[in-house]
């Protein structure tokens, strides 16, 4: 004798999980992924409670776009992209460079009082130095 299942069939099918994973891999939030997969947030959270491994997978997938962006930025820096170098420094240090930067020849340079043009010139020469070392 087989037992009859009662209640509504689960929406968390293999295809729904795949849709969620696709959404998380492009950086979607939980809400956005649920909309994409056609489920409610409560369905996702219930599934995560029953499948803790999926919660870890979800968080890992959400980091993929960040890693891709970092790879693009690093490639631009490797290619000597001055605009990207400025953006990285501005984000790290603020709008002005507050630290002394030491070049490979151990000469300390203070960039705090340089004009944008002077800073561009110094950064370009440093990037050329780094590229030449490779």
N, C-alpha and C. Protein backbone atom coordinates (compact mmCIF):
# COMPACT_ATOMS: atom_id res chain seq x y z
N UNK A 1 0.84 -1.17 0.00
CA UNK A 1 0.00 0.00 0.00
C UNK A 1 0.89 1.25 0.00
N UNK A 2 0.64 2.15 -0.93
CA UNK A 2 1.43 3.37 -1.02
C UNK A 2 0.73 4.48 -0.28
N UNK A 3 1.54 5.33 0.28
CA UNK A 3 1.02 6.45 1.05
C UNK A 3 0.72 7.61 0.12
N UNK A 4 -0.45 8.18 0.22
CA UNK A 4 -0.81 9.33 -0.60
C UNK A 4 -0.16 10.59 -0.03
N UNK A 5 0.44 11.38 -0.90
CA UNK A 5 1.01 12.65 -0.46
C UNK A 5 -0.11 13.67 -0.39
N UNK A 6 -0.10 14.44 0.68
CA UNK A 6 -1.10 15.49 0.82
C UNK A 6 -0.40 16.84 0.75
N UNK A 7 -1.15 17.83 0.38
CA UNK A 7 -0.58 19.16 0.31
C UNK A 7 -0.13 19.50 -1.10
N UNK A 8 0.30 20.71 -1.23
CA UNK A 8 0.74 21.24 -2.51
C UNK A 8 2.13 20.69 -2.85
N UNK A 9 2.38 20.40 -4.14
CA UNK A 9 3.72 19.95 -4.51
C UNK A 9 4.74 21.07 -4.31
N UNK A 10 5.95 20.69 -4.01
CA UNK A 10 6.99 21.69 -3.75
C UNK A 10 7.34 22.48 -5.02
N UNK A 11 7.63 23.74 -4.81
CA UNK A 11 8.09 24.57 -5.92
C UNK A 11 9.61 24.47 -6.07
N UNK A 12 10.26 23.88 -5.08
CA UNK A 12 11.71 23.77 -5.10
C UNK A 12 12.14 22.53 -5.87
N UNK A 13 11.90 22.59 -7.15
CA UNK A 13 12.31 21.51 -8.03
C UNK A 13 13.76 21.73 -8.44
N UNK A 14 14.34 20.76 -9.11
CA UNK A 14 15.71 20.90 -9.59
C UNK A 14 15.83 22.11 -10.52
N UNK A 15 14.83 22.32 -11.34
CA UNK A 15 14.86 23.45 -12.27
C UNK A 15 14.78 24.78 -11.52
N UNK A 16 14.02 24.85 -10.43
CA UNK A 16 13.94 26.07 -9.62
C UNK A 16 15.28 26.35 -8.96
N UNK A 17 15.92 25.31 -8.43
CA UNK A 17 17.23 25.47 -7.81
C UNK A 17 18.24 25.98 -8.85
N UNK A 18 18.17 25.47 -10.07
CA UNK A 18 19.08 25.93 -11.12
C UNK A 18 18.85 27.40 -11.45
N UNK A 19 17.58 27.81 -11.50
CA UNK A 19 17.28 29.22 -11.75
C UNK A 19 17.82 30.11 -10.63
N UNK A 20 17.66 29.66 -9.39
CA UNK A 20 18.19 30.41 -8.26
C UNK A 20 19.71 30.53 -8.36
N UNK A 21 20.37 29.42 -8.68
CA UNK A 21 21.83 29.44 -8.80
C UNK A 21 22.28 30.38 -9.91
N UNK A 22 21.57 30.39 -11.03
CA UNK A 22 21.91 31.31 -12.12
C UNK A 22 21.80 32.76 -11.66
N UNK A 23 20.73 33.06 -10.94
CA UNK A 23 20.52 34.42 -10.46
C UNK A 23 21.59 34.82 -9.44
N UNK A 24 21.89 33.93 -8.51
CA UNK A 24 22.91 34.25 -7.51
C UNK A 24 24.28 34.44 -8.17
N UNK A 25 24.56 33.69 -9.22
CA UNK A 25 25.85 33.77 -9.90
C UNK A 25 26.05 35.10 -10.63
N UNK A 26 24.96 35.82 -10.90
CA UNK A 26 25.11 37.14 -11.52
C UNK A 26 24.92 38.26 -10.49
N UNK A 27 24.91 37.88 -9.22
CA UNK A 27 24.89 38.87 -8.15
C UNK A 27 23.53 39.29 -7.65
N UNK A 28 22.49 38.54 -7.97
CA UNK A 28 21.15 38.90 -7.51
C UNK A 28 21.01 38.73 -6.00
N UNK A 29 20.18 39.56 -5.41
CA UNK A 29 19.82 39.41 -4.00
C UNK A 29 18.87 38.23 -3.87
N UNK A 30 18.55 37.86 -2.65
CA UNK A 30 17.59 36.78 -2.43
C UNK A 30 16.25 37.10 -3.09
N UNK A 31 15.78 38.34 -2.91
CA UNK A 31 14.48 38.73 -3.46
C UNK A 31 14.52 38.66 -4.99
N UNK A 32 15.58 39.20 -5.60
CA UNK A 32 15.68 39.18 -7.06
C UNK A 32 15.75 37.74 -7.59
N UNK A 33 16.50 36.89 -6.90
CA UNK A 33 16.62 35.49 -7.33
C UNK A 33 15.26 34.79 -7.23
N UNK A 34 14.51 35.09 -6.19
CA UNK A 34 13.19 34.49 -6.02
C UNK A 34 12.24 34.93 -7.13
N UNK A 35 12.28 36.20 -7.48
CA UNK A 35 11.44 36.70 -8.58
C UNK A 35 11.82 35.97 -9.86
N UNK A 36 13.12 35.85 -10.12
CA UNK A 36 13.60 35.18 -11.32
C UNK A 36 13.16 33.72 -11.37
N UNK A 37 13.19 33.06 -10.22
CA UNK A 37 12.82 31.64 -10.16
C UNK A 37 11.32 31.42 -10.00
N UNK A 38 10.58 32.49 -9.73
CA UNK A 38 9.13 32.37 -9.59
C UNK A 38 8.68 31.76 -8.28
N UNK A 39 9.42 32.06 -7.21
CA UNK A 39 9.05 31.55 -5.88
C UNK A 39 9.00 32.70 -4.88
N UNK A 40 8.43 32.43 -3.72
CA UNK A 40 8.41 33.40 -2.63
C UNK A 40 9.70 33.29 -1.83
N UNK A 41 10.04 34.39 -1.15
CA UNK A 41 11.21 34.38 -0.26
C UNK A 41 11.09 33.29 0.79
N UNK A 42 9.90 33.12 1.32
CA UNK A 42 9.71 32.13 2.38
C UNK A 42 10.02 30.73 1.88
N UNK A 43 9.74 30.47 0.60
CA UNK A 43 10.06 29.16 0.01
C UNK A 43 11.58 28.97 -0.02
N UNK A 44 12.31 30.01 -0.41
CA UNK A 44 13.77 29.93 -0.43
C UNK A 44 14.31 29.72 0.98
N UNK A 45 13.85 30.51 1.92
CA UNK A 45 14.37 30.42 3.28
C UNK A 45 14.05 29.08 3.93
N UNK A 46 12.87 28.55 3.64
CA UNK A 46 12.51 27.22 4.14
C UNK A 46 13.44 26.16 3.55
N UNK A 47 13.72 26.29 2.26
CA UNK A 47 14.62 25.35 1.59
C UNK A 47 16.03 25.45 2.19
N UNK A 48 16.47 26.66 2.46
CA UNK A 48 17.80 26.85 3.05
C UNK A 48 17.89 26.24 4.45
N UNK A 49 16.81 26.34 5.21
CA UNK A 49 16.79 25.73 6.55
C UNK A 49 16.94 24.22 6.47
N UNK A 50 16.28 23.62 5.48
CA UNK A 50 16.33 22.17 5.31
C UNK A 50 17.60 21.71 4.61
N UNK A 51 18.27 22.62 3.90
CA UNK A 51 19.47 22.30 3.12
C UNK A 51 20.56 23.34 3.40
N UNK A 52 21.22 23.25 4.56
CA UNK A 52 22.22 24.26 4.93
C UNK A 52 23.35 24.38 3.90
N UNK A 53 23.64 23.33 3.20
CA UNK A 53 24.68 23.39 2.17
C UNK A 53 24.31 24.35 1.06
N UNK A 54 23.04 24.49 0.79
CA UNK A 54 22.60 25.41 -0.25
C UNK A 54 22.84 26.86 0.16
N UNK A 55 22.69 27.15 1.44
CA UNK A 55 22.95 28.50 1.94
C UNK A 55 24.40 28.87 1.66
N UNK A 56 25.33 27.95 1.91
CA UNK A 56 26.75 28.20 1.63
C UNK A 56 26.97 28.39 0.13
N UNK A 57 26.33 27.55 -0.67
CA UNK A 57 26.48 27.65 -2.12
C UNK A 57 25.95 28.99 -2.62
N UNK A 58 24.81 29.40 -2.08
CA UNK A 58 24.19 30.67 -2.46
C UNK A 58 25.16 31.83 -2.19
N UNK A 59 25.74 31.87 -1.02
CA UNK A 59 26.67 32.94 -0.65
C UNK A 59 27.93 32.90 -1.51
N UNK A 60 28.40 31.71 -1.83
CA UNK A 60 29.56 31.58 -2.70
C UNK A 60 29.25 32.10 -4.10
N UNK A 61 28.10 31.72 -4.63
CA UNK A 61 27.71 32.18 -5.97
C UNK A 61 27.58 33.70 -6.03
N UNK A 62 27.10 34.30 -4.96
CA UNK A 62 26.92 35.75 -4.94
C UNK A 62 28.24 36.50 -5.05
N UNK A 63 29.37 35.85 -4.75
CA UNK A 63 30.66 36.52 -4.83
C UNK A 63 31.26 36.50 -6.24
N UNK A 64 30.68 35.71 -7.15
CA UNK A 64 31.24 35.59 -8.50
C UNK A 64 31.38 36.93 -9.24
N UNK A 65 30.36 37.78 -9.25
CA UNK A 65 30.52 39.05 -9.96
C UNK A 65 31.62 39.93 -9.37
N UNK A 66 31.77 39.89 -8.06
CA UNK A 66 32.82 40.68 -7.41
C UNK A 66 34.19 40.18 -7.84
N UNK A 67 34.35 38.87 -7.89
CA UNK A 67 35.63 38.30 -8.33
C UNK A 67 35.91 38.65 -9.79
N UNK A 68 34.89 38.60 -10.63
CA UNK A 68 35.06 38.97 -12.04
C UNK A 68 35.49 40.42 -12.16
N UNK A 69 34.84 41.29 -11.39
CA UNK A 69 35.17 42.72 -11.43
C UNK A 69 36.61 42.95 -10.99
N UNK A 70 37.03 42.26 -9.95
CA UNK A 70 38.41 42.40 -9.48
C UNK A 70 39.40 41.93 -10.55
N UNK A 71 39.05 40.87 -11.26
CA UNK A 71 39.93 40.37 -12.32
C UNK A 71 40.04 41.40 -13.45
N UNK A 72 38.92 42.04 -13.80
CA UNK A 72 38.93 43.06 -14.85
C UNK A 72 39.79 44.25 -14.42
N UNK A 73 39.63 44.67 -13.17
CA UNK A 73 40.42 45.79 -12.66
C UNK A 73 41.91 45.45 -12.67
N UNK A 74 42.25 44.24 -12.22
CA UNK A 74 43.66 43.84 -12.21
C UNK A 74 44.23 43.76 -13.62
N UNK A 75 43.44 43.30 -14.57
CA UNK A 75 43.92 43.25 -15.96
C UNK A 75 44.17 44.66 -16.48
N UNK A 76 43.25 45.57 -16.17
CA UNK A 76 43.42 46.96 -16.60
C UNK A 76 44.69 47.56 -15.98
N UNK A 77 44.94 47.26 -14.72
CA UNK A 77 46.16 47.74 -14.08
C UNK A 77 47.39 47.12 -14.73
N UNK A 78 47.32 45.83 -15.02
CA UNK A 78 48.43 45.15 -15.70
C UNK A 78 48.71 45.77 -17.06
N UNK A 79 47.65 46.24 -17.72
CA UNK A 79 47.79 46.85 -19.04
C UNK A 79 48.20 48.32 -18.97
N UNK A 80 48.39 48.82 -17.74
CA UNK A 80 48.83 50.21 -17.57
C UNK A 80 47.74 51.24 -17.72
N UNK A 81 46.49 50.88 -17.47
CA UNK A 81 45.36 51.80 -17.60
C UNK A 81 45.42 52.85 -16.48
N UNK A 82 45.76 54.06 -16.85
CA UNK A 82 45.94 55.14 -15.88
C UNK A 82 44.64 55.51 -15.18
N UNK A 83 43.53 55.52 -15.90
CA UNK A 83 42.24 55.87 -15.29
C UNK A 83 41.86 54.87 -14.20
N UNK A 84 42.11 53.59 -14.48
CA UNK A 84 41.81 52.56 -13.47
C UNK A 84 42.73 52.72 -12.27
N UNK A 85 43.99 53.03 -12.52
CA UNK A 85 44.94 53.24 -11.41
C UNK A 85 44.44 54.38 -10.51
N UNK A 86 43.98 55.46 -11.12
CA UNK A 86 43.44 56.58 -10.34
C UNK A 86 42.25 56.14 -9.50
N UNK A 87 41.35 55.40 -10.11
CA UNK A 87 40.15 54.97 -9.39
C UNK A 87 40.49 54.07 -8.22
N UNK A 88 41.43 53.16 -8.43
CA UNK A 88 41.82 52.25 -7.35
C UNK A 88 42.43 53.05 -6.20
N UNK A 89 43.30 53.99 -6.53
CA UNK A 89 43.93 54.80 -5.49
C UNK A 89 42.90 55.67 -4.79
N UNK A 90 42.00 56.29 -5.55
CA UNK A 90 40.98 57.13 -4.94
C UNK A 90 40.10 56.35 -3.98
N UNK A 91 39.76 55.14 -4.37
CA UNK A 91 38.91 54.32 -3.48
C UNK A 91 39.66 53.89 -2.24
N UNK A 92 40.94 53.59 -2.41
CA UNK A 92 41.73 53.10 -1.29
C UNK A 92 42.16 54.24 -0.37
N UNK A 93 42.57 55.35 -0.95
CA UNK A 93 43.18 56.43 -0.18
C UNK A 93 42.31 57.66 -0.04
N UNK A 94 41.22 57.75 -0.75
CA UNK A 94 40.45 58.98 -0.78
C UNK A 94 40.88 59.80 -1.98
N UNK A 95 40.43 61.03 -2.07
CA UNK A 95 40.71 61.83 -3.26
C UNK A 95 42.16 62.29 -3.34
N UNK A 96 42.87 62.30 -2.24
CA UNK A 96 44.30 62.67 -2.26
C UNK A 96 45.12 61.52 -1.71
N UNK A 97 46.28 61.35 -2.26
CA UNK A 97 47.19 60.32 -1.75
C UNK A 97 47.80 60.85 -0.47
N UNK A 98 47.61 60.11 0.62
CA UNK A 98 48.06 60.59 1.91
C UNK A 98 49.34 59.89 2.37
N UNK A 99 49.73 58.85 1.65
CA UNK A 99 50.92 58.12 2.04
C UNK A 99 52.07 58.46 1.14
N UNK A 100 53.24 58.24 1.64
CA UNK A 100 54.41 58.33 0.77
C UNK A 100 54.49 57.04 -0.01
N UNK A 101 54.84 57.15 -1.28
CA UNK A 101 54.98 55.97 -2.12
C UNK A 101 56.45 55.81 -2.44
N UNK A 102 56.94 54.61 -2.25
CA UNK A 102 58.35 54.36 -2.50
C UNK A 102 58.48 53.59 -3.80
N UNK A 103 59.28 54.11 -4.70
CA UNK A 103 59.51 53.41 -5.96
C UNK A 103 60.54 52.32 -5.75
N UNK A 104 60.79 51.54 -6.79
CA UNK A 104 61.73 50.42 -6.66
C UNK A 104 63.14 50.88 -6.37
N UNK A 105 63.46 52.15 -6.68
CA UNK A 105 64.80 52.65 -6.40
C UNK A 105 64.90 53.21 -4.99
N UNK A 106 63.89 52.96 -4.17
CA UNK A 106 63.86 53.37 -2.77
C UNK A 106 63.83 54.89 -2.58
N UNK A 107 63.37 55.62 -3.60
CA UNK A 107 63.22 57.06 -3.48
C UNK A 107 61.79 57.31 -3.00
N UNK A 108 61.64 58.03 -1.91
CA UNK A 108 60.33 58.31 -1.37
C UNK A 108 59.77 59.58 -2.02
N UNK A 109 58.54 59.48 -2.49
CA UNK A 109 57.89 60.61 -3.13
C UNK A 109 56.62 60.96 -2.37
N UNK A 110 56.38 62.24 -2.16
CA UNK A 110 55.16 62.70 -1.53
C UNK A 110 54.29 63.33 -2.61
N UNK A 111 53.10 62.75 -2.86
CA UNK A 111 52.24 63.20 -3.95
C UNK A 111 51.13 64.14 -3.46
N UNK A 112 51.13 64.46 -2.20
CA UNK A 112 50.01 65.20 -1.63
C UNK A 112 49.76 66.55 -2.30
N UNK A 113 50.79 67.28 -2.65
CA UNK A 113 50.61 68.64 -3.16
C UNK A 113 50.76 68.75 -4.68
N UNK A 114 50.70 67.62 -5.40
CA UNK A 114 50.84 67.65 -6.85
C UNK A 114 49.52 68.01 -7.53
N UNK A 115 49.63 68.66 -8.68
CA UNK A 115 48.44 68.91 -9.50
C UNK A 115 48.04 67.59 -10.16
N UNK A 116 46.85 67.55 -10.74
CA UNK A 116 46.40 66.35 -11.42
C UNK A 116 47.34 65.97 -12.56
N UNK A 117 47.82 66.96 -13.29
CA UNK A 117 48.73 66.68 -14.41
C UNK A 117 50.04 66.09 -13.91
N UNK A 118 50.58 66.66 -12.84
CA UNK A 118 51.83 66.14 -12.27
C UNK A 118 51.62 64.72 -11.74
N UNK A 119 50.48 64.50 -11.10
CA UNK A 119 50.17 63.17 -10.58
C UNK A 119 50.04 62.16 -11.72
N UNK A 120 49.35 62.56 -12.80
CA UNK A 120 49.25 61.69 -13.98
C UNK A 120 50.62 61.29 -14.50
N UNK A 121 51.50 62.26 -14.60
CA UNK A 121 52.84 62.02 -15.12
C UNK A 121 53.61 61.05 -14.21
N UNK A 122 53.55 61.28 -12.90
CA UNK A 122 54.25 60.40 -11.94
C UNK A 122 53.68 58.99 -11.99
N UNK A 123 52.35 58.87 -12.01
CA UNK A 123 51.73 57.55 -12.05
C UNK A 123 52.08 56.81 -13.34
N UNK A 124 52.09 57.53 -14.45
CA UNK A 124 52.43 56.90 -15.72
C UNK A 124 53.87 56.38 -15.70
N UNK A 125 54.78 57.15 -15.12
CA UNK A 125 56.17 56.68 -15.06
C UNK A 125 56.31 55.48 -14.13
N UNK A 126 55.56 55.48 -13.02
CA UNK A 126 55.58 54.31 -12.13
C UNK A 126 55.01 53.08 -12.83
N UNK A 127 53.90 53.26 -13.56
CA UNK A 127 53.33 52.14 -14.30
C UNK A 127 54.29 51.62 -15.36
N UNK A 128 54.99 52.53 -16.02
CA UNK A 128 55.99 52.11 -17.01
C UNK A 128 57.12 51.32 -16.35
N UNK A 129 57.53 51.75 -15.16
CA UNK A 129 58.57 51.06 -14.41
C UNK A 129 58.14 49.63 -14.06
N UNK A 130 56.90 49.52 -13.57
CA UNK A 130 56.36 48.22 -13.18
C UNK A 130 56.25 47.31 -14.38
N UNK A 131 55.77 47.85 -15.49
CA UNK A 131 55.64 47.06 -16.72
C UNK A 131 56.99 46.61 -17.22
N UNK A 132 57.99 47.48 -17.13
CA UNK A 132 59.34 47.13 -17.60
C UNK A 132 59.98 46.05 -16.76
N UNK A 133 59.63 45.99 -15.47
CA UNK A 133 60.20 44.98 -14.57
C UNK A 133 59.76 43.58 -14.96
N UNK A 134 58.54 43.47 -15.49
CA UNK A 134 58.02 42.16 -15.88
C UNK A 134 58.81 41.65 -17.03
